[in-house]
Protein backbone atom coordinates (compact mmCIF):
# COMPACT_ATOMS: atom_id res chain seq x y z
CA UNK A 1 0.00 0.00 0.00
CA UNK A 2 1.24 3.49 -0.87
CA UNK A 3 0.77 6.05 1.89
CA UNK A 4 0.09 9.72 1.22
CA UNK A 5 2.27 11.99 3.35
CA UNK A 6 0.83 15.48 3.87
CA UNK A 7 2.64 18.31 5.65
CA UNK A 8 0.44 20.41 7.94
CA UNK A 9 -0.66 23.77 6.56
CA UNK A 10 -2.35 26.34 8.80
CA UNK A 11 -5.53 28.12 7.81
CA UNK A 12 -3.37 31.12 6.91
CA UNK A 13 -1.28 28.99 4.54
CA UNK A 14 1.76 28.63 6.80
CA UNK A 15 3.74 25.45 6.21
CA UNK A 16 5.63 25.11 9.47
CA UNK A 17 7.05 21.62 8.91
CA UNK A 18 8.33 22.38 5.40
CA UNK A 19 9.82 25.71 6.54
CA UNK A 20 11.61 24.02 9.45
CA UNK A 21 13.04 21.25 7.26
CA UNK A 22 14.32 23.76 4.69
CA UNK A 23 16.14 25.63 7.50
CA UNK A 24 18.30 22.61 8.36
CA UNK A 25 21.80 21.73 7.17
CA UNK A 26 21.87 19.99 3.75
CA UNK A 27 23.01 16.68 5.26
CA UNK A 28 20.14 16.76 7.79
CA UNK A 29 17.62 17.68 5.08
CA UNK A 30 18.71 14.55 3.20
CA UNK A 31 18.23 12.39 6.31
CA UNK A 32 14.77 13.83 7.00
CA UNK A 33 13.78 13.37 3.34
CA UNK A 34 14.94 9.75 3.48
CA UNK A 35 12.92 9.14 6.65
CA UNK A 36 9.82 10.67 5.01
CA UNK A 37 10.35 8.42 1.96
CA UNK A 38 10.50 5.38 4.26
CA UNK A 39 7.33 6.57 6.00
CA UNK A 40 5.57 6.96 2.65
CA UNK A 41 6.57 3.41 1.70
CA UNK A 42 5.91 1.60 5.02
CA UNK A 43 3.35 3.82 6.78
CA UNK A 44 2.61 2.96 10.41
CA UNK A 45 4.58 -0.29 10.08
CA UNK A 46 7.80 1.73 10.04
CA UNK A 47 9.46 1.09 13.38
CA UNK A 48 12.62 1.87 15.29
CA UNK A 49 15.07 3.40 14.66
CA UNK A 50 13.12 5.51 12.12
CA UNK A 51 9.79 5.89 13.87
CA UNK A 52 8.48 5.60 17.41
CA UNK A 53 4.95 5.56 18.85
CA UNK A 54 4.49 8.31 21.44
CA UNK A 55 0.86 8.33 22.56
CA UNK A 56 -2.74 8.67 21.48
CA UNK A 57 -2.15 8.07 17.73
CA UNK A 58 0.93 10.33 17.74
CA UNK A 59 4.22 9.08 16.34
CA UNK A 60 7.64 10.65 15.92
CA UNK A 61 9.75 10.30 12.81
CA UNK A 62 13.40 10.28 13.82
CA UNK A 63 16.33 11.69 11.84
CA UNK A 64 19.58 11.06 13.67
CA UNK A 65 22.93 12.72 13.16
CA UNK A 66 24.68 15.96 14.05
CA UNK A 67 21.27 17.60 14.21
CA UNK A 68 18.70 15.38 15.96
CA UNK A 69 15.36 16.10 14.29
CA UNK A 70 11.90 14.82 15.13
CA UNK A 71 8.76 15.13 13.03
CA UNK A 72 5.53 14.37 14.90
CA UNK A 73 2.80 12.77 12.80
CA UNK A 74 -0.52 10.92 12.88
CA UNK A 75 -2.00 8.27 10.60
CA UNK A 76 -5.59 8.65 9.36
CA UNK A 77 -6.74 6.10 6.81
CA UNK A 78 -4.07 5.97 4.10
CA UNK A 79 -2.91 9.52 4.90
CA UNK A 80 -0.06 10.52 7.18
CA UNK A 81 -0.11 14.09 8.47
CA UNK A 82 3.21 15.66 9.43
CA UNK A 83 2.10 17.99 12.21
CA UNK A 84 5.20 19.45 13.81
CA UNK A 85 8.99 19.30 13.44
CA UNK A 86 11.69 20.36 15.86
CA UNK A 87 15.32 19.86 16.75
CA UNK A 88 15.66 17.58 19.74
CA UNK A 89 18.01 18.59 22.53
CA UNK A 90 16.84 16.41 25.44
CA UNK A 91 16.37 12.69 26.05
CA UNK A 92 12.59 12.92 26.35
CA UNK A 93 10.27 14.56 23.81
CA UNK A 94 9.22 17.87 25.43
CA UNK A 95 5.53 18.18 26.34
CA UNK A 96 5.47 21.59 24.65
CA UNK A 97 6.29 19.99 21.28
CA UNK A 98 3.62 17.31 21.74
CA UNK A 99 1.06 20.00 22.65
CA UNK A 100 1.81 21.86 19.41
CA UNK A 101 1.23 18.67 17.41
CA UNK A 102 -2.12 17.99 19.12
CA UNK A 103 -3.21 21.60 18.56
CA UNK A 104 -2.50 21.23 14.83
CA UNK A 105 -4.27 17.87 14.77
CA UNK A 106 -7.41 19.56 16.13
CA UNK A 107 -7.22 22.06 13.24
CA UNK A 108 -7.19 19.20 10.73
CA UNK A 109 -10.16 17.41 12.31
């Protein structure tokens, strides 16, 4: 099955995830793009080390390297919504980042 990956876009047309990814170093952009390609191919079956289940339908896509990047996403039908992306600096995913993803999810629903 082919999965459709959709980056979140606000009602005002802001594309936060795409903007964040474009701001990264070229090597990190390549790693994030590869992880998104894997997600598009495998969907929710993609597991560690590329993807991790967080809670309540929320997953994190993981790009490792000099810049640790996480993209929070949800799966709905055959669509995968990339809700929020950030550079990870701590061991645990900050609650603030998860809250942003859930806020954007409510906008989609």
